[in-house]
Amino acid sequence: MARRYDTNDATDRVTGLREAASAVRRGELVVLPTDTVYGIGADAFSSEAVADLLAAKGRGRNMPTPVLIGSPNTLHGLVTDFSELAWELVDAFWPGALTLVAKHQPSLQWDLGDTRGTVAVRMPLHPVAIELLTEVGPMAVSSANLTGHSSPENCDYAQEMLGDSVSVYLDGGPTPGNVPSSIVDVSREVPLLLRAGAISADELRKVVPDLEVAN
């Protein structure tokens, strides 16, 4: 039976974050609010948990799961060949709605799907998400919806779709909006905007003037 906690209530928040952290460490799934939409998350280093996440969404390995982190410093252990331009994007837009695709450290023992040696990573601008990520470390997190359905802006919709496949729901109230993060590939010499989301190409070009945009 899934448990749900209101993180706008001080007591419920403490309990909910503790229970969510315990669930993640056990390899179970949790739903958490972010600054874009609600996400379904698992321990990024548990291949079984990530497989459960993909199954819960009805999603294939051809759409690998992004990773959320609680601090930019965590990048040092996750990615390699991270350019100065990439760090400038981090400085300008993190925490926030910018996902960066970078080459991951080849030594990492994880299986996020068919990533072809890269990882999509983001630091969200949401206190509940940051607190959980700080406690448990990097999490594989995707939007908390069934594939083909709209991304949830509230916990009710996420729970309606995912039900008991998730152990703990952290209800932070409505999210600021349902616009997804922008995705920039920084694994190449010239950064490439793969998806225009909450941060426009014009805003990104203030930091990376040569930014290319995918067709």
N, C-alpha and C. Protein backbone atom coordinates (compact mmCIF):
# COMPACT_ATOMS: atom_id res chain seq x y z
N MET A 1 0.84 -1.20 0.00
CA MET A 1 0.00 0.00 0.00
C MET A 1 0.88 1.25 0.00
N ALA A 2 0.66 2.13 -0.95
CA ALA A 2 1.44 3.36 -1.04
C ALA A 2 1.12 4.29 0.13
N ARG A 3 2.14 5.00 0.60
CA ARG A 3 1.96 5.99 1.65
C ARG A 3 2.15 7.39 1.05
N ARG A 4 1.39 8.35 1.56
CA ARG A 4 1.42 9.71 1.01
C ARG A 4 1.58 10.71 2.15
N TYR A 5 2.43 11.70 1.93
CA TYR A 5 2.73 12.69 2.97
C TYR A 5 2.62 14.10 2.40
N ASP A 6 2.03 14.99 3.19
CA ASP A 6 1.87 16.39 2.81
C ASP A 6 3.10 17.16 3.26
N THR A 7 3.97 17.52 2.32
CA THR A 7 5.23 18.17 2.70
C THR A 7 5.05 19.64 3.05
N ASN A 8 3.82 20.15 2.92
CA ASN A 8 3.55 21.52 3.40
C ASN A 8 3.20 21.53 4.88
N ASP A 9 3.03 20.35 5.45
CA ASP A 9 2.83 20.20 6.90
C ASP A 9 4.17 19.80 7.50
N ALA A 10 4.63 20.55 8.49
CA ALA A 10 5.99 20.37 9.02
C ALA A 10 6.24 18.95 9.52
N THR A 11 5.30 18.40 10.26
CA THR A 11 5.47 17.06 10.81
C THR A 11 5.44 16.01 9.71
N ASP A 12 4.47 16.14 8.82
CA ASP A 12 4.34 15.20 7.70
C ASP A 12 5.57 15.25 6.79
N ARG A 13 6.13 16.43 6.64
CA ARG A 13 7.31 16.59 5.78
C ARG A 13 8.50 15.80 6.32
N VAL A 14 8.74 15.94 7.61
CA VAL A 14 9.86 15.22 8.23
C VAL A 14 9.66 13.71 8.08
N THR A 15 8.46 13.25 8.40
CA THR A 15 8.17 11.82 8.30
C THR A 15 8.25 11.35 6.85
N GLY A 16 7.65 12.14 5.94
CA GLY A 16 7.63 11.75 4.54
C GLY A 16 9.01 11.66 3.93
N LEU A 17 9.86 12.63 4.23
CA LEU A 17 11.22 12.60 3.68
C LEU A 17 12.00 11.42 4.24
N ARG A 18 11.80 11.12 5.53
CA ARG A 18 12.48 9.96 6.12
C ARG A 18 12.01 8.67 5.46
N GLU A 19 10.70 8.54 5.28
CA GLU A 19 10.15 7.33 4.67
C GLU A 19 10.55 7.22 3.19
N ALA A 20 10.58 8.35 2.49
CA ALA A 20 10.99 8.33 1.09
C ALA A 20 12.45 7.91 0.96
N ALA A 21 13.31 8.44 1.81
CA ALA A 21 14.73 8.08 1.77
C ALA A 21 14.91 6.59 2.04
N SER A 22 14.17 6.07 3.01
CA SER A 22 14.26 4.64 3.32
C SER A 22 13.78 3.80 2.15
N ALA A 23 12.71 4.24 1.50
CA ALA A 23 12.18 3.51 0.34
C ALA A 23 13.20 3.47 -0.79
N VAL A 24 13.84 4.61 -1.07
CA VAL A 24 14.83 4.67 -2.13
C VAL A 24 15.99 3.71 -1.82
N ARG A 25 16.44 3.70 -0.58
CA ARG A 25 17.55 2.81 -0.21
C ARG A 25 17.16 1.34 -0.31
N ARG A 26 15.88 1.04 -0.19
CA ARG A 26 15.41 -0.35 -0.34
C ARG A 26 15.19 -0.72 -1.80
N GLY A 27 15.41 0.22 -2.70
CA GLY A 27 15.21 -0.05 -4.12
C GLY A 27 13.79 0.15 -4.57
N GLU A 28 13.00 0.90 -3.81
CA GLU A 28 11.60 1.14 -4.16
C GLU A 28 11.46 2.49 -4.86
N LEU A 29 10.26 2.76 -5.36
CA LEU A 29 9.99 3.98 -6.12
C LEU A 29 9.28 5.01 -5.26
N VAL A 30 9.59 6.28 -5.50
CA VAL A 30 8.92 7.38 -4.81
C VAL A 30 8.49 8.42 -5.84
N VAL A 31 7.48 9.19 -5.49
CA VAL A 31 7.06 10.34 -6.30
C VAL A 31 7.36 11.60 -5.51
N LEU A 32 7.96 12.59 -6.19
CA LEU A 32 8.38 13.81 -5.53
C LEU A 32 8.06 15.02 -6.40
N PRO A 33 7.81 16.16 -5.76
CA PRO A 33 7.59 17.39 -6.53
C PRO A 33 8.91 17.96 -7.02
N THR A 34 8.88 18.59 -8.18
CA THR A 34 10.04 19.34 -8.65
C THR A 34 9.57 20.73 -9.08
N ASP A 35 10.48 21.51 -9.64
CA ASP A 35 10.14 22.86 -10.09
C ASP A 35 9.46 22.86 -11.45
N THR A 36 9.34 21.69 -12.09
CA THR A 36 8.64 21.61 -13.38
C THR A 36 7.36 20.80 -13.19
N VAL A 37 7.48 19.47 -13.08
CA VAL A 37 6.32 18.61 -12.84
C VAL A 37 6.71 17.59 -11.76
N TYR A 38 5.75 16.77 -11.36
CA TYR A 38 6.06 15.70 -10.40
C TYR A 38 6.90 14.63 -11.10
N GLY A 39 7.83 14.05 -10.34
CA GLY A 39 8.69 13.02 -10.88
C GLY A 39 8.55 11.72 -10.12
N ILE A 40 8.81 10.62 -10.81
CA ILE A 40 8.92 9.31 -10.18
C ILE A 40 10.39 8.97 -10.14
N GLY A 41 10.88 8.60 -8.94
CA GLY A 41 12.32 8.46 -8.78
C GLY A 41 12.73 7.16 -8.12
N ALA A 42 14.00 6.80 -8.34
CA ALA A 42 14.59 5.59 -7.79
C ALA A 42 16.09 5.83 -7.61
N ASP A 43 16.72 4.97 -6.85
CA ASP A 43 18.18 5.01 -6.69
C ASP A 43 18.82 4.85 -8.07
N ALA A 44 19.61 5.83 -8.48
CA ALA A 44 20.21 5.80 -9.82
C ALA A 44 21.17 4.63 -10.00
N PHE A 45 21.68 4.09 -8.88
CA PHE A 45 22.68 3.03 -8.97
C PHE A 45 22.08 1.64 -8.78
N SER A 46 20.77 1.55 -8.70
CA SER A 46 20.09 0.26 -8.60
C SER A 46 19.44 -0.05 -9.95
N SER A 47 20.05 -0.97 -10.70
CA SER A 47 19.50 -1.28 -12.03
C SER A 47 18.10 -1.88 -11.91
N GLU A 48 17.85 -2.64 -10.82
CA GLU A 48 16.52 -3.22 -10.63
C GLU A 48 15.49 -2.13 -10.39
N ALA A 49 15.84 -1.14 -9.57
CA ALA A 49 14.91 -0.06 -9.27
C ALA A 49 14.61 0.78 -10.51
N VAL A 50 15.65 1.03 -11.32
CA VAL A 50 15.44 1.81 -12.55
C VAL A 50 14.57 1.02 -13.52
N ALA A 51 14.77 -0.30 -13.58
CA ALA A 51 13.93 -1.13 -14.44
C ALA A 51 12.48 -1.08 -13.97
N ASP A 52 12.28 -1.07 -12.64
CA ASP A 52 10.93 -0.96 -12.09
C ASP A 52 10.30 0.39 -12.45
N LEU A 53 11.12 1.44 -12.43
CA LEU A 53 10.63 2.78 -12.79
C LEU A 53 10.14 2.79 -14.24
N LEU A 54 10.96 2.25 -15.13
CA LEU A 54 10.56 2.22 -16.55
C LEU A 54 9.29 1.39 -16.73
N ALA A 55 9.20 0.28 -15.99
CA ALA A 55 8.02 -0.58 -16.10
C ALA A 55 6.78 0.13 -15.58
N ALA A 56 6.92 0.87 -14.48
CA ALA A 56 5.78 1.58 -13.90
C ALA A 56 5.22 2.60 -14.88
N LYS A 57 6.10 3.23 -15.66
CA LYS A 57 5.69 4.22 -16.64
C LYS A 57 5.25 3.60 -17.97
N GLY A 58 5.59 2.32 -18.18
CA GLY A 58 5.35 1.71 -19.48
C GLY A 58 6.30 2.26 -20.53
N ARG A 59 7.55 2.47 -20.11
CA ARG A 59 8.54 3.13 -20.96
C ARG A 59 9.66 2.17 -21.32
N GLY A 60 10.18 2.26 -22.53
CA GLY A 60 11.24 1.36 -22.97
C GLY A 60 12.62 1.88 -22.63
N ARG A 61 13.61 0.99 -22.77
CA ARG A 61 15.00 1.36 -22.49
C ARG A 61 15.54 2.36 -23.51
N ASN A 62 14.85 2.51 -24.64
CA ASN A 62 15.30 3.46 -25.65
C ASN A 62 15.09 4.90 -25.21
N MET A 63 14.37 5.11 -24.09
CA MET A 63 14.20 6.45 -23.53
C MET A 63 14.78 6.44 -22.12
N PRO A 64 16.12 6.54 -21.99
CA PRO A 64 16.76 6.41 -20.68
C PRO A 64 16.30 7.47 -19.69
N THR A 65 16.45 7.13 -18.43
CA THR A 65 15.96 7.99 -17.36
C THR A 65 16.99 9.07 -16.99
N PRO A 66 16.57 10.32 -16.88
CA PRO A 66 17.48 11.37 -16.41
C PRO A 66 17.85 11.16 -14.94
N VAL A 67 18.87 11.86 -14.50
CA VAL A 67 19.33 11.79 -13.12
C VAL A 67 19.22 13.18 -12.48
N LEU A 68 18.63 13.24 -11.29
CA LEU A 68 18.59 14.48 -10.52
C LEU A 68 19.62 14.42 -9.41
N ILE A 69 20.25 15.57 -9.14
CA ILE A 69 21.26 15.65 -8.09
C ILE A 69 20.96 16.85 -7.19
N GLY A 70 21.49 16.81 -5.98
CA GLY A 70 21.21 17.85 -5.00
C GLY A 70 22.24 18.96 -4.93
N SER A 71 23.36 18.81 -5.66
CA SER A 71 24.42 19.82 -5.63
C SER A 71 25.23 19.72 -6.91
N PRO A 72 25.68 20.85 -7.46
CA PRO A 72 26.55 20.80 -8.64
C PRO A 72 27.83 20.01 -8.39
N ASN A 73 28.30 19.99 -7.13
CA ASN A 73 29.53 19.27 -6.82
C ASN A 73 29.42 17.78 -7.14
N THR A 74 28.19 17.26 -7.12
CA THR A 74 27.98 15.84 -7.41
C THR A 74 28.40 15.50 -8.84
N LEU A 75 28.39 16.50 -9.72
CA LEU A 75 28.77 16.26 -11.12
C LEU A 75 30.17 15.67 -11.24
N HIS A 76 31.07 16.05 -10.33
CA HIS A 76 32.46 15.62 -10.45
C HIS A 76 32.58 14.10 -10.44
N GLY A 77 31.67 13.43 -9.73
CA GLY A 77 31.73 11.98 -9.67
C GLY A 77 30.91 11.29 -10.73
N LEU A 78 30.15 12.05 -11.51
CA LEU A 78 29.23 11.44 -12.48
C LEU A 78 29.64 11.61 -13.92
N VAL A 79 30.27 12.75 -14.26
CA VAL A 79 30.51 13.06 -15.67
C VAL A 79 32.00 13.25 -15.94
N THR A 80 32.34 13.17 -17.22
CA THR A 80 33.72 13.38 -17.66
C THR A 80 33.72 14.29 -18.88
N ASP A 81 34.86 14.88 -19.17
CA ASP A 81 34.99 15.80 -20.32
C ASP A 81 33.94 16.92 -20.25
N PHE A 82 33.72 17.45 -19.07
CA PHE A 82 32.74 18.50 -18.85
C PHE A 82 33.42 19.84 -19.11
N SER A 83 32.99 20.53 -20.15
CA SER A 83 33.70 21.72 -20.63
C SER A 83 33.44 22.94 -19.74
N GLU A 84 34.23 23.96 -20.00
CA GLU A 84 34.03 25.24 -19.30
C GLU A 84 32.66 25.83 -19.64
N LEU A 85 32.24 25.69 -20.90
CA LEU A 85 30.92 26.17 -21.29
C LEU A 85 29.82 25.45 -20.52
N ALA A 86 30.00 24.16 -20.30
CA ALA A 86 29.02 23.39 -19.54
C ALA A 86 28.94 23.90 -18.10
N TRP A 87 30.10 24.18 -17.50
CA TRP A 87 30.09 24.72 -16.14
C TRP A 87 29.45 26.10 -16.09
N GLU A 88 29.63 26.88 -17.14
CA GLU A 88 28.99 28.20 -17.18
C GLU A 88 27.47 28.07 -17.22
N LEU A 89 26.96 27.06 -17.92
CA LEU A 89 25.52 26.81 -17.93
C LEU A 89 25.04 26.40 -16.55
N VAL A 90 25.82 25.57 -15.87
CA VAL A 90 25.48 25.16 -14.50
C VAL A 90 25.42 26.40 -13.60
N ASP A 91 26.43 27.24 -13.68
CA ASP A 91 26.48 28.44 -12.83
C ASP A 91 25.29 29.36 -13.10
N ALA A 92 24.87 29.44 -14.35
CA ALA A 92 23.81 30.38 -14.72
C ALA A 92 22.41 29.85 -14.42
N PHE A 93 22.19 28.54 -14.54
CA PHE A 93 20.81 28.04 -14.54
C PHE A 93 20.51 26.97 -13.49
N TRP A 94 21.49 26.57 -12.69
CA TRP A 94 21.21 25.59 -11.63
C TRP A 94 21.21 26.26 -10.27
N PRO A 95 20.35 25.83 -9.37
CA PRO A 95 19.27 24.88 -9.62
C PRO A 95 18.19 25.50 -10.50
N GLY A 96 17.59 24.66 -11.34
CA GLY A 96 16.58 25.17 -12.25
C GLY A 96 16.24 24.19 -13.34
N ALA A 97 15.50 24.69 -14.34
CA ALA A 97 14.89 23.83 -15.35
C ALA A 97 15.79 23.62 -16.56
N LEU A 98 17.05 23.25 -16.31
CA LEU A 98 17.98 22.95 -17.39
C LEU A 98 18.59 21.58 -17.16
N THR A 99 18.38 20.68 -18.13
CA THR A 99 18.98 19.35 -18.11
C THR A 99 20.17 19.35 -19.06
N LEU A 100 21.29 18.83 -18.58
CA LEU A 100 22.50 18.76 -19.39
C LEU A 100 22.83 17.31 -19.71
N VAL A 101 23.07 17.02 -20.96
CA VAL A 101 23.48 15.68 -21.39
C VAL A 101 25.00 15.69 -21.53
N ALA A 102 25.65 14.85 -20.75
CA ALA A 102 27.11 14.81 -20.72
C ALA A 102 27.60 13.36 -20.75
N LYS A 103 28.87 13.18 -21.06
CA LYS A 103 29.46 11.84 -21.00
C LYS A 103 29.58 11.43 -19.53
N HIS A 104 29.10 10.23 -19.21
CA HIS A 104 29.22 9.81 -17.82
C HIS A 104 30.55 9.10 -17.58
N GLN A 105 30.96 9.08 -16.33
CA GLN A 105 32.19 8.40 -15.96
C GLN A 105 32.07 6.93 -16.35
N PRO A 106 33.03 6.39 -17.12
CA PRO A 106 32.92 5.01 -17.57
C PRO A 106 32.95 4.00 -16.43
N SER A 107 33.45 4.41 -15.27
CA SER A 107 33.55 3.48 -14.14
C SER A 107 32.23 3.29 -13.40
N LEU A 108 31.22 4.11 -13.69
CA LEU A 108 29.97 4.05 -12.94
C LEU A 108 29.22 2.75 -13.21
N GLN A 109 28.76 2.15 -12.13
CA GLN A 109 27.98 0.91 -12.22
C GLN A 109 26.50 1.26 -12.15
N TRP A 110 25.93 1.63 -13.27
CA TRP A 110 24.50 1.91 -13.30
C TRP A 110 23.94 1.52 -14.66
N ASP A 111 22.63 1.44 -14.74
CA ASP A 111 21.96 1.10 -15.99
C ASP A 111 20.68 1.91 -16.06
N LEU A 112 20.76 3.04 -16.77
CA LEU A 112 19.64 3.96 -16.87
C LEU A 112 18.82 3.74 -18.14
N GLY A 113 19.22 2.75 -18.93
CA GLY A 113 18.61 2.54 -20.24
C GLY A 113 19.70 2.63 -21.30
N ASP A 114 19.31 2.78 -22.54
CA ASP A 114 20.27 2.84 -23.64
C ASP A 114 20.81 4.26 -23.77
N THR A 115 21.83 4.57 -22.97
CA THR A 115 22.33 5.95 -22.89
C THR A 115 23.47 6.23 -23.85
N ARG A 116 24.09 5.19 -24.41
CA ARG A 116 25.24 5.36 -25.31
C ARG A 116 26.34 6.20 -24.66
N GLY A 117 26.58 5.93 -23.38
CA GLY A 117 27.70 6.55 -22.69
C GLY A 117 27.45 7.94 -22.15
N THR A 118 26.21 8.41 -22.19
CA THR A 118 25.90 9.74 -21.67
C THR A 118 24.87 9.65 -20.55
N VAL A 119 24.71 10.76 -19.85
CA VAL A 119 23.68 10.87 -18.81
C VAL A 119 23.05 12.25 -18.91
N ALA A 120 21.74 12.31 -18.74
CA ALA A 120 21.03 13.59 -18.69
C ALA A 120 20.86 13.95 -17.22
N VAL A 121 21.44 15.06 -16.78
CA VAL A 121 21.48 15.37 -15.35
C VAL A 121 20.97 16.78 -15.09
N ARG A 122 20.32 16.94 -13.93
CA ARG A 122 19.73 18.23 -13.58
C ARG A 122 19.70 18.40 -12.07
N MET A 123 19.80 19.63 -11.61
CA MET A 123 19.58 19.98 -10.21
C MET A 123 18.30 20.81 -10.14
N PRO A 124 17.22 20.26 -9.56
CA PRO A 124 15.94 20.96 -9.58
C PRO A 124 15.87 22.07 -8.53
N LEU A 125 15.06 23.08 -8.82
CA LEU A 125 14.86 24.19 -7.89
C LEU A 125 13.60 23.91 -7.07
N HIS A 126 13.69 22.95 -6.16
CA HIS A 126 12.57 22.63 -5.28
C HIS A 126 13.12 22.12 -3.96
N PRO A 127 12.73 22.73 -2.83
CA PRO A 127 13.34 22.36 -1.54
C PRO A 127 13.12 20.91 -1.14
N VAL A 128 11.95 20.35 -1.43
CA VAL A 128 11.69 18.95 -1.06
C VAL A 128 12.58 18.02 -1.87
N ALA A 129 12.66 18.27 -3.17
CA ALA A 129 13.52 17.45 -4.02
C ALA A 129 14.97 17.55 -3.58
N ILE A 130 15.44 18.76 -3.32
CA ILE A 130 16.84 18.96 -2.91
C ILE A 130 17.12 18.22 -1.60
N GLU A 131 16.20 18.31 -0.66
CA GLU A 131 16.41 17.65 0.64
C GLU A 131 16.51 16.14 0.47
N LEU A 132 15.64 15.56 -0.34
CA LEU A 132 15.69 14.12 -0.56
C LEU A 132 16.97 13.72 -1.29
N LEU A 133 17.33 14.47 -2.33
CA LEU A 133 18.54 14.17 -3.09
C LEU A 133 19.80 14.31 -2.25
N THR A 134 19.82 15.28 -1.35
CA THR A 134 20.96 15.46 -0.46
C THR A 134 21.09 14.27 0.48
N GLU A 135 19.96 13.70 0.86
CA GLU A 135 19.95 12.57 1.79
C GLU A 135 20.37 11.27 1.12
N VAL A 136 19.87 11.01 -0.10
CA VAL A 136 20.08 9.69 -0.71
C VAL A 136 21.07 9.69 -1.87
N GLY A 137 21.46 10.85 -2.37
CA GLY A 137 22.35 10.90 -3.51
C GLY A 137 21.60 10.91 -4.83
N PRO A 138 22.31 10.75 -5.94
CA PRO A 138 21.68 10.86 -7.26
C PRO A 138 20.52 9.88 -7.43
N MET A 139 19.44 10.40 -8.01
CA MET A 139 18.26 9.58 -8.27
C MET A 139 17.91 9.61 -9.76
N ALA A 140 17.55 8.46 -10.28
CA ALA A 140 16.95 8.40 -11.61
C ALA A 140 15.52 8.90 -11.47
N VAL A 141 15.17 9.97 -12.18
CA VAL A 141 13.85 10.58 -12.04
C VAL A 141 13.28 10.92 -13.41
N SER A 142 12.06 10.47 -13.64
CA SER A 142 11.33 10.80 -14.86
C SER A 142 9.98 11.37 -14.46
N SER A 143 9.29 12.00 -15.39
CA SER A 143 7.98 12.56 -15.06
C SER A 143 7.06 11.45 -14.57
N ALA A 144 6.25 11.76 -13.56
CA ALA A 144 5.46 10.75 -12.84
C ALA A 144 4.14 10.47 -13.55
N ASN A 145 4.26 10.02 -14.81
CA ASN A 145 3.07 9.73 -15.60
C ASN A 145 3.25 8.43 -16.36
N LEU A 146 2.15 7.85 -16.78
CA LEU A 146 2.22 6.75 -17.72
C LEU A 146 2.61 7.29 -19.09
N THR A 147 3.44 6.57 -19.80
CA THR A 147 3.88 7.01 -21.12
C THR A 147 2.67 7.28 -22.02
N GLY A 148 2.69 8.44 -22.65
CA GLY A 148 1.57 8.84 -23.51
C GLY A 148 0.56 9.73 -22.83
N HIS A 149 0.65 9.85 -21.50
CA HIS A 149 -0.25 10.73 -20.76
C HIS A 149 0.49 12.02 -20.41
N SER A 150 -0.25 13.06 -20.08
CA SER A 150 0.37 14.33 -19.73
C SER A 150 1.12 14.23 -18.40
N SER A 151 2.13 15.06 -18.25
CA SER A 151 2.92 15.07 -17.02
C SER A 151 2.12 15.71 -15.89
N PRO A 152 2.20 15.16 -14.67
CA PRO A 152 1.36 15.64 -13.58
C PRO A 152 1.89 16.90 -12.91
N GLU A 153 0.97 17.85 -12.71
CA GLU A 153 1.30 19.07 -11.97
C GLU A 153 0.86 18.97 -10.52
N ASN A 154 0.22 17.85 -10.15
CA ASN A 154 -0.19 17.66 -8.75
C ASN A 154 -0.05 16.18 -8.40
N CYS A 155 -0.01 15.91 -7.11
CA CYS A 155 0.23 14.55 -6.64
C CYS A 155 -0.96 13.63 -6.92
N ASP A 156 -2.17 14.19 -6.90
CA ASP A 156 -3.36 13.37 -7.16
C ASP A 156 -3.26 12.68 -8.51
N TYR A 157 -2.90 13.43 -9.52
CA TYR A 157 -2.84 12.89 -10.88
C TYR A 157 -1.75 11.82 -10.99
N ALA A 158 -0.60 12.09 -10.34
CA ALA A 158 0.49 11.11 -10.36
C ALA A 158 0.04 9.80 -9.69
N GLN A 159 -0.63 9.91 -8.55
CA GLN A 159 -1.06 8.70 -7.83
C GLN A 159 -2.15 7.96 -8.59
N GLU A 160 -3.00 8.71 -9.26
CA GLU A 160 -4.07 8.11 -10.06
C GLU A 160 -3.48 7.22 -11.15
N MET A 161 -2.36 7.66 -11.74
CA MET A 161 -1.75 6.90 -12.82
C MET A 161 -0.85 5.77 -12.32
N LEU A 162 -0.10 6.02 -11.26
CA LEU A 162 0.96 5.08 -10.87
C LEU A 162 0.57 4.17 -9.71
N GLY A 163 -0.41 4.58 -8.90
CA GLY A 163 -0.95 3.71 -7.86
C GLY A 163 0.09 3.10 -6.94
N ASP A 164 -0.04 1.79 -6.69
CA ASP A 164 0.81 1.11 -5.73
C ASP A 164 2.15 0.65 -6.31
N SER A 165 2.46 1.03 -7.55
CA SER A 165 3.80 0.76 -8.06
C SER A 165 4.82 1.66 -7.36
N VAL A 166 4.31 2.70 -6.70
CA VAL A 166 5.14 3.65 -5.95
C VAL A 166 4.91 3.43 -4.46
N SER A 167 6.00 3.43 -3.68
CA SER A 167 5.89 3.20 -2.24
C SER A 167 5.50 4.45 -1.47
N VAL A 168 6.11 5.60 -1.84
CA VAL A 168 5.89 6.83 -1.09
C VAL A 168 5.61 7.98 -2.05
N TYR A 169 4.55 8.72 -1.77
CA TYR A 169 4.22 9.95 -2.51
C TYR A 169 4.47 11.14 -1.60
N LEU A 170 5.29 12.08 -2.09
CA LEU A 170 5.51 13.33 -1.38
C LEU A 170 4.69 14.41 -2.07
N ASP A 171 3.65 14.88 -1.38
CA ASP A 171 2.72 15.84 -1.94
C ASP A 171 3.13 17.25 -1.54
N GLY A 172 3.66 18.00 -2.50
CA GLY A 172 4.08 19.37 -2.23
C GLY A 172 3.12 20.40 -2.78
N GLY A 173 1.89 19.96 -3.13
CA GLY A 173 0.95 20.88 -3.75
C GLY A 173 1.23 21.03 -5.23
N PRO A 174 0.49 21.90 -5.91
CA PRO A 174 0.69 22.08 -7.35
C PRO A 174 2.10 22.56 -7.68
N THR A 175 2.65 22.06 -8.78
CA THR A 175 3.97 22.54 -9.22
C THR A 175 3.79 23.88 -9.93
N PRO A 176 4.88 24.64 -10.10
CA PRO A 176 4.77 25.95 -10.73
C PRO A 176 4.22 25.91 -12.15
N GLY A 177 4.36 24.78 -12.83
CA GLY A 177 3.86 24.69 -14.20
C GLY A 177 4.18 23.34 -14.79
N ASN A 178 3.69 23.08 -15.98
CA ASN A 178 3.95 21.78 -16.59
C ASN A 178 4.90 21.87 -17.77
N VAL A 179 5.65 22.97 -17.84
CA VAL A 179 6.65 23.10 -18.90
C VAL A 179 7.88 22.32 -18.48
N PRO A 180 8.35 21.38 -19.31
CA PRO A 180 9.51 20.56 -18.93
C PRO A 180 10.80 21.37 -18.98
N SER A 181 11.85 20.77 -18.46
CA SER A 181 13.15 21.43 -18.52
C SER A 181 13.65 21.49 -19.96
N SER A 182 14.49 22.47 -20.22
CA SER A 182 15.20 22.51 -21.50
C SER A 182 16.37 21.52 -21.42
N ILE A 183 16.70 20.89 -22.55
CA ILE A 183 17.77 19.90 -22.57
C ILE A 183 18.86 20.36 -23.52
N VAL A 184 20.09 20.45 -23.00
CA VAL A 184 21.23 20.85 -23.82
C VAL A 184 22.28 19.75 -23.76
N ASP A 185 22.74 19.32 -24.93
CA ASP A 185 23.79 18.32 -25.04
C ASP A 185 25.15 19.03 -24.97
N VAL A 186 25.87 18.78 -23.87
CA VAL A 186 27.19 19.39 -23.72
C VAL A 186 28.30 18.35 -23.90
N SER A 187 27.93 17.19 -24.47
CA SER A 187 28.93 16.15 -24.71
C SER A 187 29.69 16.38 -26.01
N ARG A 188 29.28 17.40 -26.74
CA ARG A 188 29.90 17.73 -28.03
C ARG A 188 30.64 19.06 -27.90
N GLU A 189 31.42 19.40 -28.92
CA GLU A 189 32.25 20.61 -28.85
C GLU A 189 31.39 21.86 -28.76
N VAL A 190 30.33 21.93 -29.59
CA VAL A 190 29.40 23.06 -29.53
C VAL A 190 28.09 22.57 -28.91
N PRO A 191 27.67 23.12 -27.77
CA PRO A 191 26.44 22.66 -27.13
C PRO A 191 25.24 22.73 -28.07
N LEU A 192 24.35 21.73 -27.94
CA LEU A 192 23.20 21.60 -28.83
C LEU A 192 21.93 21.56 -27.99
N LEU A 193 20.99 22.44 -28.30
CA LEU A 193 19.70 22.44 -27.62
C LEU A 193 18.84 21.33 -28.22
N LEU A 194 18.60 20.29 -27.43
CA LEU A 194 17.81 19.15 -27.90
C LEU A 194 16.32 19.37 -27.71
N ARG A 195 15.96 20.07 -26.62
CA ARG A 195 14.55 20.35 -26.34
C ARG A 195 14.42 21.73 -25.73
N ALA A 196 13.66 22.59 -26.36
CA ALA A 196 13.38 23.92 -25.80
C ALA A 196 12.24 23.77 -24.80
N GLY A 197 12.51 24.06 -23.56
CA GLY A 197 11.50 23.94 -22.51
C GLY A 197 11.36 25.23 -21.75
N ALA A 198 11.54 25.16 -20.44
CA ALA A 198 11.32 26.32 -19.58
C ALA A 198 12.35 27.43 -19.81
N ILE A 199 13.50 27.08 -20.35
CA ILE A 199 14.54 28.09 -20.62
C ILE A 199 14.71 28.19 -22.13
N SER A 200 14.52 29.38 -22.66
CA SER A 200 14.52 29.56 -24.12
C SER A 200 15.93 29.54 -24.69
N ALA A 201 16.00 29.33 -25.99
CA ALA A 201 17.29 29.37 -26.69
C ALA A 201 17.94 30.74 -26.53
N ASP A 202 17.14 31.80 -26.55
CA ASP A 202 17.70 33.15 -26.41
C ASP A 202 18.35 33.32 -25.04
N GLU A 203 17.70 32.80 -23.98
CA GLU A 203 18.29 32.88 -22.64
C GLU A 203 19.59 32.09 -22.57
N LEU A 204 19.58 30.90 -23.16
CA LEU A 204 20.78 30.06 -23.14
C LEU A 204 21.92 30.70 -23.91
N ARG A 205 21.59 31.39 -24.99
CA ARG A 205 22.64 32.01 -25.82
C ARG A 205 23.30 33.20 -25.13
N LYS A 206 22.70 33.71 -24.07
CA LYS A 206 23.37 34.75 -23.28
C LYS A 206 24.61 34.19 -22.60
N VAL A 207 24.60 32.87 -22.39
CA VAL A 207 25.74 32.18 -21.77
C VAL A 207 26.58 31.47 -22.82
N VAL A 208 25.91 30.84 -23.80
CA VAL A 208 26.60 30.10 -24.87
C VAL A 208 26.15 30.69 -26.21
N PRO A 209 26.80 31.74 -26.68
CA PRO A 209 26.36 32.43 -27.90
C PRO A 209 26.32 31.52 -29.13
N ASP A 210 27.17 30.49 -29.17
CA ASP A 210 27.23 29.61 -30.34
C ASP A 210 26.29 28.41 -30.25
N LEU A 211 25.42 28.42 -29.28
CA LEU A 211 24.50 27.29 -29.08
C LEU A 211 23.78 26.93 -30.39
N GLU A 212 23.80 25.63 -30.71
CA GLU A 212 23.08 25.14 -31.87
C GLU A 212 21.73 24.58 -31.41
N VAL A 213 20.78 24.53 -32.32
CA VAL A 213 19.44 24.05 -32.02
C VAL A 213 19.12 22.86 -32.92
N ALA A 214 18.69 21.76 -32.31
CA ALA A 214 18.36 20.55 -33.07
C ALA A 214 17.15 20.80 -33.96
N ASN A 215 17.13 20.18 -35.12
CA ASN A 215 15.99 20.33 -36.04
C ASN A 215 14.79 19.58 -35.53
